[in-house]
Every structure is written in structure tokens, then in C-alpha cells.
Amino acid sequence: MKKTYITLSFVFAGLTLSAQNKHTQAADKLYNRYEYIDAAEEYLKLVSNNKADNYVYRQLADSYYNVFNTVEAAKWYAKATEEKQDAEVYYRYAQMLKANGQYEASNKQMEKFASMAPSDQRAVAFKKEPNYIPRLTDQQKMFDSKNMDINSEKSDFGAVLANDNTLYFASARNTSKKSYGWNDEPYLDLYKATRNEDGTFSKPTEVEGMN
């Protein structure tokens, strides 16, 4: 009789896994291709259709984590951690809460992470100084930052000013090009602008032969 029960348990477990794979197949395929924005949309459809489970909640959270959508990531990590998770989930949840300025809530999740993975260097660093972010924010501001006229609404970074006063930088401002599946942003191109004597910059142009 015990053998019968054991066999039936494996059968039911297999059926449950098959059903999950069937429901999440489209979303999982996108996720495994690093197309996190589209993957999140597919997982959200499962939520809307009442076909979501803890696996879907975690995949949703990880999708948003990978594109640094901190608000949505924290929302779905909260849902996922209603059931016990592995240590990395609590670490990621903590990072998203910290990015949202929720330091006390973040520390609670880091405590869980540290208790599950005490030898992890991230846990060791946290236990040594758990409140370093508030301490840093209390320090006197050393400089201000602001957008320049040549900045776009998209990502602009990696600027290097050459000796001839040419500024080179990467940008995702060309929205006419195909978007990158990872974050649904345009692919990066290399741009240049000339620094004028008054400190302003000329209109950026693409670097020929590099894009």
C-alpha cells in the first residue's frame, strides 16, 4: 500500500509541474532569452487570469529586478516571500527596498538573508555595518549633479573628454532602432560632441563607423 501512495504522489507532482510548465512556457522562454520586460508582461497575464503561483511571483520579481524597476520588484518579492524562499531572494528583496529608501524594511530582509547564508560576504558586510546607508545620507553633500543640454531622456553614460575637447559617450537616444529585449531600451550607440570655450557642448552626433 505504501508503494501505491508513493507512486501516486510522484504522479500528482509530475502533473502539477507539467501544468506549471505549460502555463509559464511563453514567459519562461522570454525570461531565459533575457527579454525581461516582455517576460514580465507574460507573467502578469498569468496573475490576471488567476493562474499565478509562487513561482510566477518570483519570476515577476526577478524580471523587474533585472531591469532595476525597484518598485515593482519589491512588490512581487513581497508576494513571493509569503512562502519560504532561498537566501538570494531575500537579498534581492532587501536591495530593492533599500533602493526605494525603505531602510528598516530592507534590514529585516537582510537579517533573513544573513541567517540563511552567514558565511556569504554580503551577509558578513551587513552584520558588520547594517546602517551604512542612513549614515552616508546624513553626511554633508559634497557636490550637485544636473542634466546638461546634450542629455536625452534615455540612458547617457561613459563620457570621456579627449584632448581636442571632443566628448565621447554612449547613449540609447536613437529610438528609431530596434529595442534591446533585456530592458526594452534602444540599443546603445557611440556619440560625440565638441566642448565650446564657454563650457557648453555642440549638438551630439553619432560617431561614424562605430554604430
C-alpha atoms as a PDB file:
ATOM      1  CA  MET A   1       0.000   0.000   0.000  1.00  0.00           C
ATOM      2  CA  LYS A   2       2.866   2.382   0.807  1.00  0.00           C
ATOM      3  CA  LYS A   3       4.316   1.816  -2.648  1.00  0.00           C
ATOM      4  CA  THR A   4       0.967   2.743  -4.193  1.00  0.00           C
ATOM      5  CA  TYR A   5       0.802   6.001  -2.259  1.00  0.00           C
ATOM      6  CA  ILE A   6       4.378   6.886  -3.140  1.00  0.00           C
ATOM      7  CA  THR A   7       3.771   6.198  -6.814  1.00  0.00           C
ATOM      8  CA  LEU A   8       0.603   8.289  -6.833  1.00  0.00           C
ATOM      9  CA  SER A   9       2.438  11.147  -5.102  1.00  0.00           C
ATOM     10  CA  PHE A  10       5.058  11.225  -7.834  1.00  0.00           C
ATOM     11  CA  VAL A  11       2.334  11.133 -10.489  1.00  0.00           C
ATOM     12  CA  PHE A  12       0.453  14.071  -8.985  1.00  0.00           C
ATOM     13  CA  ALA A  13       3.687  16.033  -8.520  1.00  0.00           C
ATOM     14  CA  GLY A  14       4.556  15.407 -12.150  1.00  0.00           C
ATOM     15  CA  LEU A  15       1.128  16.546 -13.305  1.00  0.00           C
ATOM     16  CA  THR A  16       1.422  19.747 -11.260  1.00  0.00           C
ATOM     17  CA  LEU A  17       4.865  20.513 -12.707  1.00  0.00           C
ATOM     18  CA  SER A  18       3.639  19.846 -16.245  1.00  0.00           C
ATOM     19  CA  ALA A  19       0.701  22.194 -15.748  1.00  0.00           C
ATOM     20  CA  GLN A  20       3.023  24.904 -14.425  1.00  0.00           C
ATOM     21  CA  ASN A  21       5.401  24.488 -17.343  1.00  0.00           C
ATOM     22  CA  LYS A  22       2.507  24.707 -19.779  1.00  0.00           C
ATOM     23  CA  HIS A  23       1.182  27.926 -18.253  1.00  0.00           C
ATOM     24  CA  THR A  24       4.564  29.603 -17.904  1.00  0.00           C
ATOM     25  CA  GLN A  25       6.174  28.321 -21.086  1.00  0.00           C
ATOM     26  CA  ALA A  26       5.844  31.562 -23.078  1.00  0.00           C
ATOM     27  CA  ALA A  27       7.007  33.752 -20.197  1.00  0.00           C
ATOM     28  CA  ASP A  28       9.858  31.423 -19.258  1.00  0.00           C
ATOM     29  CA  LYS A  29      11.109  31.394 -22.838  1.00  0.00           C
ATOM     30  CA  LEU A  30      11.311  35.193 -22.869  1.00  0.00           C
ATOM     31  CA  TYR A  31      12.947  35.228 -19.441  1.00  0.00           C
ATOM     32  CA  ASN A  32      15.594  32.730 -20.498  1.00  0.00           C
ATOM     33  CA  ARG A  33      16.373  34.963 -23.501  1.00  0.00           C
ATOM     34  CA  TYR A  34      16.886  37.882 -21.088  1.00  0.00           C
ATOM     35  CA  GLU A  35      13.847  39.693 -22.512  1.00  0.00           C
ATOM     36  CA  TYR A  36      12.714  40.701 -19.062  1.00  0.00           C
ATOM     37  CA  ILE A  37      10.192  43.402 -19.983  1.00  0.00           C
ATOM     38  CA  ASP A  38       8.235  41.084 -22.264  1.00  0.00           C
ATOM     39  CA  ALA A  39       8.615  38.226 -19.791  1.00  0.00           C
ATOM     40  CA  ALA A  40       7.088  40.339 -17.027  1.00  0.00           C
ATOM     41  CA  GLU A  41       4.104  41.128 -19.241  1.00  0.00           C
ATOM     42  CA  GLU A  42       3.528  37.414 -19.835  1.00  0.00           C
ATOM     43  CA  TYR A  43       3.787  36.585 -16.138  1.00  0.00           C
ATOM     44  CA  LEU A  44       1.337  39.402 -15.370  1.00  0.00           C
ATOM     45  CA  LYS A  45      -1.162  37.782 -17.722  1.00  0.00           C
ATOM     46  CA  LEU A  46      -0.999  34.668 -15.560  1.00  0.00           C
ATOM     47  CA  VAL A  47      -1.684  36.803 -12.490  1.00  0.00           C
ATOM     48  CA  SER A  48      -4.671  38.431 -14.198  1.00  0.00           C
ATOM     49  CA  ASN A  49      -6.026  35.026 -15.221  1.00  0.00           C
ATOM     50  CA  ASN A  50      -5.636  33.599 -11.705  1.00  0.00           C
ATOM     51  CA  LYS A  51      -3.002  31.139 -12.929  1.00  0.00           C
ATOM     52  CA  ALA A  52      -0.132  32.536 -10.879  1.00  0.00           C
ATOM     53  CA  ASP A  53       1.662  30.731  -8.090  1.00  0.00           C
ATOM     54  CA  ASN A  54       4.745  31.412  -6.012  1.00  0.00           C
ATOM     55  CA  TYR A  55       6.990  30.517  -8.946  1.00  0.00           C
ATOM     56  CA  VAL A  56       5.322  33.181 -11.096  1.00  0.00           C
ATOM     57  CA  TYR A  57       5.621  35.794  -8.339  1.00  0.00           C
ATOM     58  CA  ARG A  58       9.336  35.143  -8.018  1.00  0.00           C
ATOM     59  CA  GLN A  59       9.871  35.227 -11.780  1.00  0.00           C
ATOM     60  CA  LEU A  60       7.990  38.523 -11.936  1.00  0.00           C
ATOM     61  CA  ALA A  61      10.118  39.948  -9.144  1.00  0.00           C
ATOM     62  CA  ASP A  62      13.350  38.764 -10.767  1.00  0.00           C
ATOM     63  CA  SER A  63      12.281  40.196 -14.126  1.00  0.00           C
ATOM     64  CA  TYR A  64      11.783  43.633 -12.600  1.00  0.00           C
ATOM     65  CA  TYR A  65      14.969  43.263 -10.533  1.00  0.00           C
ATOM     66  CA  ASN A  66      16.978  42.680 -13.691  1.00  0.00           C
ATOM     67  CA  VAL A  67      15.760  45.941 -15.253  1.00  0.00           C
ATOM     68  CA  PHE A  68      16.004  47.804 -11.914  1.00  0.00           C
ATOM     69  CA  ASN A  69      12.294  48.556 -11.641  1.00  0.00           C
ATOM     70  CA  THR A  70      12.643  48.736  -7.889  1.00  0.00           C
ATOM     71  CA  VAL A  71       9.009  49.438  -7.026  1.00  0.00           C
ATOM     72  CA  GLU A  72       7.543  46.532  -8.989  1.00  0.00           C
ATOM     73  CA  ALA A  73      10.364  44.207  -7.961  1.00  0.00           C
ATOM     74  CA  ALA A  74       9.761  44.919  -4.268  1.00  0.00           C
ATOM     75  CA  LYS A  75       6.025  44.422  -4.747  1.00  0.00           C
ATOM     76  CA  TRP A  76       6.429  40.944  -6.204  1.00  0.00           C
ATOM     77  CA  TYR A  77       9.237  39.898  -3.870  1.00  0.00           C
ATOM     78  CA  ALA A  78       6.851  40.718  -1.027  1.00  0.00           C
ATOM     79  CA  LYS A  79       4.318  38.398  -2.608  1.00  0.00           C
ATOM     80  CA  ALA A  80       6.871  35.664  -3.295  1.00  0.00           C
ATOM     81  CA  THR A  81       8.232  35.705   0.258  1.00  0.00           C
ATOM     82  CA  GLU A  82       4.826  34.900   1.683  1.00  0.00           C
ATOM     83  CA  GLU A  83       6.253  31.407   1.265  1.00  0.00           C
ATOM     84  CA  LYS A  84       9.792  30.432   2.228  1.00  0.00           C
ATOM     85  CA  GLN A  85      12.414  31.215  -0.422  1.00  0.00           C
ATOM     86  CA  ASP A  86      16.117  30.626  -0.847  1.00  0.00           C
ATOM     87  CA  ALA A  87      18.568  33.152   0.566  1.00  0.00           C
ATOM     88  CA  GLU A  88      19.166  35.040  -2.687  1.00  0.00           C
ATOM     89  CA  VAL A  89      15.518  36.076  -2.916  1.00  0.00           C
ATOM     90  CA  TYR A  90      15.697  37.807   0.464  1.00  0.00           C
ATOM     91  CA  TYR A  91      18.917  39.532  -0.584  1.00  0.00           C
ATOM     92  CA  ARG A  92      17.364  40.838  -3.776  1.00  0.00           C
ATOM     93  CA  TYR A  93      14.233  41.914  -1.943  1.00  0.00           C
ATOM     94  CA  ALA A  94      16.402  43.824   0.515  1.00  0.00           C
ATOM     95  CA  GLN A  95      18.254  45.608  -2.287  1.00  0.00           C
ATOM     96  CA  MET A  96      15.019  46.759  -3.904  1.00  0.00           C
ATOM     97  CA  LEU A  97      13.654  48.032  -0.598  1.00  0.00           C
ATOM     98  CA  LYS A  98      16.917  49.859   0.032  1.00  0.00           C
ATOM     99  CA  ALA A  99      16.779  51.440  -3.420  1.00  0.00           C
ATOM    100  CA  ASN A 100      13.267  52.651  -2.553  1.00  0.00           C
ATOM    101  CA  GLY A 101      14.526  54.285   0.643  1.00  0.00           C
ATOM    102  CA  GLN A 102      12.890  51.708   2.939  1.00  0.00           C
ATOM    103  CA  TYR A 103      15.978  51.074   5.027  1.00  0.00           C
ATOM    104  CA  GLU A 104      14.383  49.432   8.066  1.00  0.00           C
ATOM    105  CA  ALA A 105      12.365  47.037   5.917  1.00  0.00           C
ATOM    106  CA  SER A 106      15.494  46.331   3.883  1.00  0.00           C
ATOM    107  CA  ASN A 107      17.452  45.471   7.022  1.00  0.00           C
ATOM    108  CA  LYS A 108      14.776  42.983   8.074  1.00  0.00           C
ATOM    109  CA  GLN A 109      15.175  41.127   4.792  1.00  0.00           C
ATOM    110  CA  MET A 110      18.961  41.299   5.080  1.00  0.00           C
ATOM    111  CA  GLU A 111      18.684  39.753   8.546  1.00  0.00           C
ATOM    112  CA  LYS A 112      16.822  36.826   6.997  1.00  0.00           C
ATOM    113  CA  PHE A 113      19.435  36.562   4.265  1.00  0.00           C
ATOM    114  CA  ALA A 114      22.289  36.667   6.780  1.00  0.00           C
ATOM    115  CA  SER A 115      20.696  33.971   8.929  1.00  0.00           C
ATOM    116  CA  MET A 116      20.381  31.677   5.908  1.00  0.00           C
ATOM    117  CA  ALA A 117      23.817  32.420   4.426  1.00  0.00           C
ATOM    118  CA  PRO A 118      26.009  33.625   7.320  1.00  0.00           C
ATOM    119  CA  SER A 119      29.295  32.958   5.524  1.00  0.00           C
ATOM    120  CA  ASP A 120      28.300  34.923   2.418  1.00  0.00           C
ATOM    121  CA  GLN A 121      30.493  38.034   2.213  1.00  0.00           C
ATOM    122  CA  ARG A 122      27.417  40.199   1.650  1.00  0.00           C
ATOM    123  CA  ALA A 123      25.967  38.898   4.909  1.00  0.00           C
ATOM    124  CA  VAL A 124      29.265  39.428   6.723  1.00  0.00           C
ATOM    125  CA  ALA A 125      29.465  43.036   5.496  1.00  0.00           C
ATOM    126  CA  PHE A 126      25.866  43.679   6.527  1.00  0.00           C
ATOM    127  CA  LYS A 127      26.337  42.311  10.024  1.00  0.00           C
ATOM    128  CA  LYS A 128      29.434  44.465  10.417  1.00  0.00           C
ATOM    129  CA  GLU A 129      27.660  47.707   9.483  1.00  0.00           C
ATOM    130  CA  PRO A 130      23.920  47.305   8.825  1.00  0.00           C
ATOM    131  CA  ASN A 131      23.042  51.016   8.822  1.00  0.00           C
ATOM    132  CA  TYR A 132      25.669  52.420   6.488  1.00  0.00           C
ATOM    133  CA  ILE A 133      23.157  53.963   4.050  1.00  0.00           C
ATOM    134  CA  PRO A 134      21.494  56.315   6.594  1.00  0.00           C
ATOM    135  CA  ARG A 135      24.967  57.232   7.828  1.00  0.00           C
ATOM    136  CA  LEU A 136      26.040  58.174   4.318  1.00  0.00           C
ATOM    137  CA  THR A 137      22.886  60.207   3.654  1.00  0.00           C
ATOM    138  CA  ASP A 138      23.492  62.179   6.852  1.00  0.00           C
ATOM    139  CA  GLN A 139      26.880  63.348   5.586  1.00  0.00           C
ATOM    140  CA  GLN A 140      27.308  66.817   4.163  1.00  0.00           C
ATOM    141  CA  LYS A 141      26.650  66.979   0.424  1.00  0.00           C
ATOM    142  CA  MET A 142      29.908  67.382  -1.472  1.00  0.00           C
ATOM    143  CA  PHE A 143      28.576  68.225  -4.944  1.00  0.00           C
ATOM    144  CA  ASP A 144      25.428  68.707  -7.029  1.00  0.00           C
ATOM    145  CA  SER A 145      24.538  66.965 -10.263  1.00  0.00           C
ATOM    146  CA  LYS A 146      22.294  68.157 -13.061  1.00  0.00           C
ATOM    147  CA  ASN A 147      21.461  67.260 -16.629  1.00  0.00           C
ATOM    148  CA  MET A 148      23.263  69.042 -19.453  1.00  0.00           C
ATOM    149  CA  ASP A 149      21.666  70.308 -22.635  1.00  0.00           C
ATOM    150  CA  ILE A 150      23.090  67.337 -24.528  1.00  0.00           C
ATOM    151  CA  ASN A 151      21.457  64.793 -22.205  1.00  0.00           C
ATOM    152  CA  SER A 152      18.486  62.830 -23.508  1.00  0.00           C
ATOM    153  CA  GLU A 153      15.560  61.141 -21.772  1.00  0.00           C
ATOM    154  CA  LYS A 154      17.261  57.800 -22.397  1.00  0.00           C
ATOM    155  CA  SER A 155      20.469  56.404 -20.927  1.00  0.00           C
ATOM    156  CA  ASP A 156      23.602  58.530 -21.489  1.00  0.00           C
ATOM    157  CA  PHE A 157      26.819  57.387 -19.821  1.00  0.00           C
ATOM    158  CA  GLY A 158      30.503  56.551 -20.126  1.00  0.00           C
ATOM    159  CA  ALA A 159      31.559  60.074 -21.089  1.00  0.00           C
ATOM    160  CA  VAL A 160      35.234  60.693 -21.907  1.00  0.00           C
ATOM    161  CA  LEU A 161      36.641  64.118 -22.794  1.00  0.00           C
ATOM    162  CA  ALA A 162      39.523  63.860 -25.265  1.00  0.00           C
ATOM    163  CA  ASN A 163      42.441  66.303 -25.505  1.00  0.00           C
ATOM    164  CA  ASP A 164      40.844  68.021 -28.507  1.00  0.00           C
ATOM    165  CA  ASN A 165      37.745  68.885 -26.403  1.00  0.00           C
ATOM    166  CA  THR A 166      35.657  66.170 -28.038  1.00  0.00           C
ATOM    167  CA  LEU A 167      33.309  64.432 -25.621  1.00  0.00           C
ATOM    168  CA  TYR A 168      32.553  60.800 -26.433  1.00  0.00           C
ATOM    169  CA  PHE A 169      29.709  58.944 -24.722  1.00  0.00           C
ATOM    170  CA  ALA A 170      27.290  56.048 -25.111  1.00  0.00           C
ATOM    171  CA  SER A 171      23.588  56.730 -25.495  1.00  0.00           C
ATOM    172  CA  ALA A 172      20.310  54.916 -26.119  1.00  0.00           C
ATOM    173  CA  ARG A 173      18.668  58.029 -27.548  1.00  0.00           C
ATOM    174  CA  ASN A 174      18.078  56.657 -31.054  1.00  0.00           C
ATOM    175  CA  THR A 175      14.517  55.375 -30.617  1.00  0.00           C
ATOM    176  CA  SER A 176      14.166  54.575 -34.320  1.00  0.00           C
ATOM    177  CA  LYS A 177      16.299  51.483 -33.824  1.00  0.00           C
ATOM    178  CA  LYS A 178      15.178  48.087 -32.534  1.00  0.00           C
ATOM    179  CA  SER A 179      14.876  47.861 -28.765  1.00  0.00           C
ATOM    180  CA  TYR A 180      17.040  45.610 -26.626  1.00  0.00           C
ATOM    181  CA  GLY A 181      14.929  42.806 -25.193  1.00  0.00           C
ATOM    182  CA  TRP A 182      16.590  42.982 -21.764  1.00  0.00           C
ATOM    183  CA  ASN A 183      15.111  46.377 -20.823  1.00  0.00           C
ATOM    184  CA  ASP A 184      13.095  47.438 -23.893  1.00  0.00           C
ATOM    185  CA  GLU A 185      15.508  50.344 -24.436  1.00  0.00           C
ATOM    186  CA  PRO A 186      17.089  51.182 -27.812  1.00  0.00           C
ATOM    187  CA  TYR A 187      20.493  49.654 -28.483  1.00  0.00           C
ATOM    188  CA  LEU A 188      23.440  51.814 -27.460  1.00  0.00           C
ATOM    189  CA  ASP A 189      25.332  53.965 -29.954  1.00  0.00           C
ATOM    190  CA  LEU A 190      28.518  55.996 -29.605  1.00  0.00           C
ATOM    191  CA  TYR A 191      28.117  59.785 -29.846  1.00  0.00           C
ATOM    192  CA  LYS A 192      30.422  62.776 -29.794  1.00  0.00           C
ATOM    193  CA  ALA A 193      30.042  66.468 -29.027  1.00  0.00           C
ATOM    194  CA  THR A 194      32.521  69.345 -29.024  1.00  0.00           C
ATOM    195  CA  ARG A 195      33.149  71.345 -25.879  1.00  0.00           C
ATOM    196  CA  ASN A 196      32.975  75.077 -26.522  1.00  0.00           C
ATOM    197  CA  GLU A 197      35.064  77.754 -24.810  1.00  0.00           C
ATOM    198  CA  ASP A 198      32.124  78.774 -22.600  1.00  0.00           C
ATOM    199  CA  GLY A 199      31.744  75.212 -21.293  1.00  0.00           C
ATOM    200  CA  THR A 200      28.712  74.322 -23.377  1.00  0.00           C
ATOM    201  CA  PHE A 201      28.666  71.486 -25.903  1.00  0.00           C
ATOM    202  CA  SER A 202      27.675  71.248 -29.532  1.00  0.00           C
ATOM    203  CA  LYS A 203      24.771  69.059 -30.627  1.00  0.00           C
ATOM    204  CA  PRO A 204      25.802  65.394 -30.310  1.00  0.00           C
ATOM    205  CA  THR A 205      26.279  63.361 -33.476  1.00  0.00           C
ATOM    206  CA  GLU A 206      26.847  59.650 -33.983  1.00  0.00           C
ATOM    207  CA  VAL A 207      30.444  58.531 -34.388  1.00  0.00           C
ATOM    208  CA  GLU A 208      30.730  57.297 -37.975  1.00  0.00           C
ATOM    209  CA  GLY A 209      31.724  53.698 -38.467  1.00  0.00           C
ATOM    210  CA  MET A 210      31.143  52.790 -34.824  1.00  0.00           C
ATOM    211  CA  ASN A 211      27.368  52.266 -34.689  1.00  0.00           C
END
